[in-house]
Amino acid sequence: MILKTEFFRNNVASLVKRFIAQGYEAVIAPYWALDVTVPKYWLPEFLNCLDAGESVSQAMFSASRKVYDQFPTPAAWACLHLYGNPNLKIQEH
């Protein structure tokens, strides 16, 4: 097997493409290095919004706003990106 190095290859996007190809409807991934303090603010808001019936894109927006309230730099609040279906919601059973 021959491996080829590509200096400008976006590995996150490549990994996301693999998940989408495997059937995942939406993938959230950092576009650059994610600071370890961000999930403390982002994740609870994101999950609460999903539980409240919001779409994944609405939940991401609200979660990113929570991060912005603590860290108003784009390096913190704009790191996570949504790939795939922005209208995905949790199905009620």
Protein backbone atom coordinates (compact mmCIF):
# COMPACT_ATOMS: atom_id res chain seq x y z
CA MET A 1 0.00 0.00 0.00
CA ILE A 2 1.34 3.42 -0.96
CA LEU A 3 0.35 6.40 1.20
CA LYS A 4 0.27 9.87 -0.27
CA THR A 5 0.71 12.95 1.92
CA GLU A 6 -1.46 15.96 1.12
CA PHE A 7 -0.45 19.06 3.07
CA PHE A 8 -3.64 21.04 2.48
CA ARG A 9 -6.10 18.20 2.92
CA ASN A 10 -8.92 18.90 5.35
CA ASN A 11 -8.98 15.75 7.50
CA VAL A 12 -12.12 16.74 9.42
CA ALA A 13 -14.11 17.14 6.21
CA SER A 14 -12.77 13.82 4.98
CA LEU A 15 -13.82 12.09 8.19
CA VAL A 16 -17.24 13.76 8.05
CA LYS A 17 -17.72 12.52 4.48
CA ARG A 18 -17.11 8.97 5.69
CA PHE A 19 -19.80 9.29 8.39
CA ILE A 20 -22.29 10.79 5.92
CA ALA A 21 -21.51 8.00 3.46
CA GLN A 22 -22.19 5.45 6.22
CA GLY A 23 -25.71 6.83 6.62
CA TYR A 24 -25.50 9.41 9.38
CA GLU A 25 -27.88 12.26 8.59
CA ALA A 26 -25.93 14.96 10.40
CA VAL A 27 -22.43 15.28 11.83
CA ILE A 28 -21.10 18.02 14.08
CA ALA A 29 -17.32 18.39 14.02
CA PRO A 30 -14.79 21.07 14.92
CA TYR A 31 -13.31 22.92 11.98
CA TRP A 32 -10.15 23.68 13.97
CA ALA A 33 -8.77 22.66 17.37
CA LEU A 34 -11.58 22.79 19.92
CA ASP A 35 -10.63 24.29 23.27
CA VAL A 36 -11.48 21.91 26.12
CA THR A 37 -13.51 24.58 27.94
CA VAL A 38 -16.04 25.02 25.11
CA PRO A 39 -18.07 21.78 25.55
CA LYS A 40 -18.85 22.74 29.17
CA TYR A 41 -21.06 25.56 27.83
CA TRP A 42 -21.96 24.20 24.39
CA LEU A 43 -23.10 20.63 25.09
CA PRO A 44 -25.74 21.19 27.82
CA GLU A 45 -27.43 23.92 25.77
CA PHE A 46 -27.31 21.82 22.62
CA LEU A 47 -28.87 18.79 24.33
CA ASN A 48 -31.54 20.87 26.08
CA CYS A 49 -32.56 22.43 22.77
CA LEU A 50 -32.75 19.03 21.05
CA ASP A 51 -34.86 17.70 23.93
CA ALA A 52 -37.16 20.73 23.53
CA GLY A 53 -37.85 19.75 19.91
CA GLU A 54 -35.57 22.17 18.09
CA SER A 55 -33.76 21.15 14.92
CA VAL A 56 -30.07 20.32 15.09
CA SER A 57 -29.22 23.64 13.38
CA GLN A 58 -31.34 25.65 15.85
CA ALA A 59 -29.77 23.76 18.75
CA MET A 60 -26.29 24.45 17.37
CA PHE A 61 -27.07 28.15 17.05
CA SER A 62 -28.30 28.36 20.65
CA ALA A 63 -25.32 26.38 21.93
CA SER A 64 -22.88 28.58 20.03
CA ARG A 65 -24.57 31.66 21.53
CA LYS A 66 -23.95 30.20 25.01
CA VAL A 67 -20.28 29.84 24.17
CA TYR A 68 -20.27 33.39 22.76
CA ASP A 69 -21.60 34.70 26.09
CA GLN A 70 -18.51 33.27 27.81
CA PHE A 71 -15.93 33.60 25.03
CA PRO A 72 -16.88 36.22 22.39
CA THR A 73 -14.06 35.24 20.05
CA PRO A 74 -14.90 33.30 16.86
CA ALA A 75 -12.12 30.86 17.74
CA ALA A 76 -14.39 29.58 20.53
CA TRP A 77 -18.00 30.01 19.43
CA ALA A 78 -17.57 29.29 15.70
CA CYS A 79 -15.41 26.17 15.91
CA LEU A 80 -18.13 23.54 15.60
CA HIS A 81 -19.72 23.04 12.19
CA LEU A 82 -22.77 21.09 11.10
CA TYR A 83 -22.58 18.85 8.05
CA GLY A 84 -25.62 17.13 6.60
CA ASN A 85 -29.29 17.63 7.40
CA PRO A 86 -29.84 20.92 9.33
CA ASN A 87 -33.52 20.11 9.92
CA LEU A 88 -32.92 16.86 11.77
CA LYS A 89 -34.89 16.54 15.03
CA ILE A 90 -35.17 13.93 17.74
CA GLN A 91 -38.11 11.64 17.07
CA GLU A 92 -40.62 11.26 19.86
CA HIS A 93 -41.66 7.70 20.69
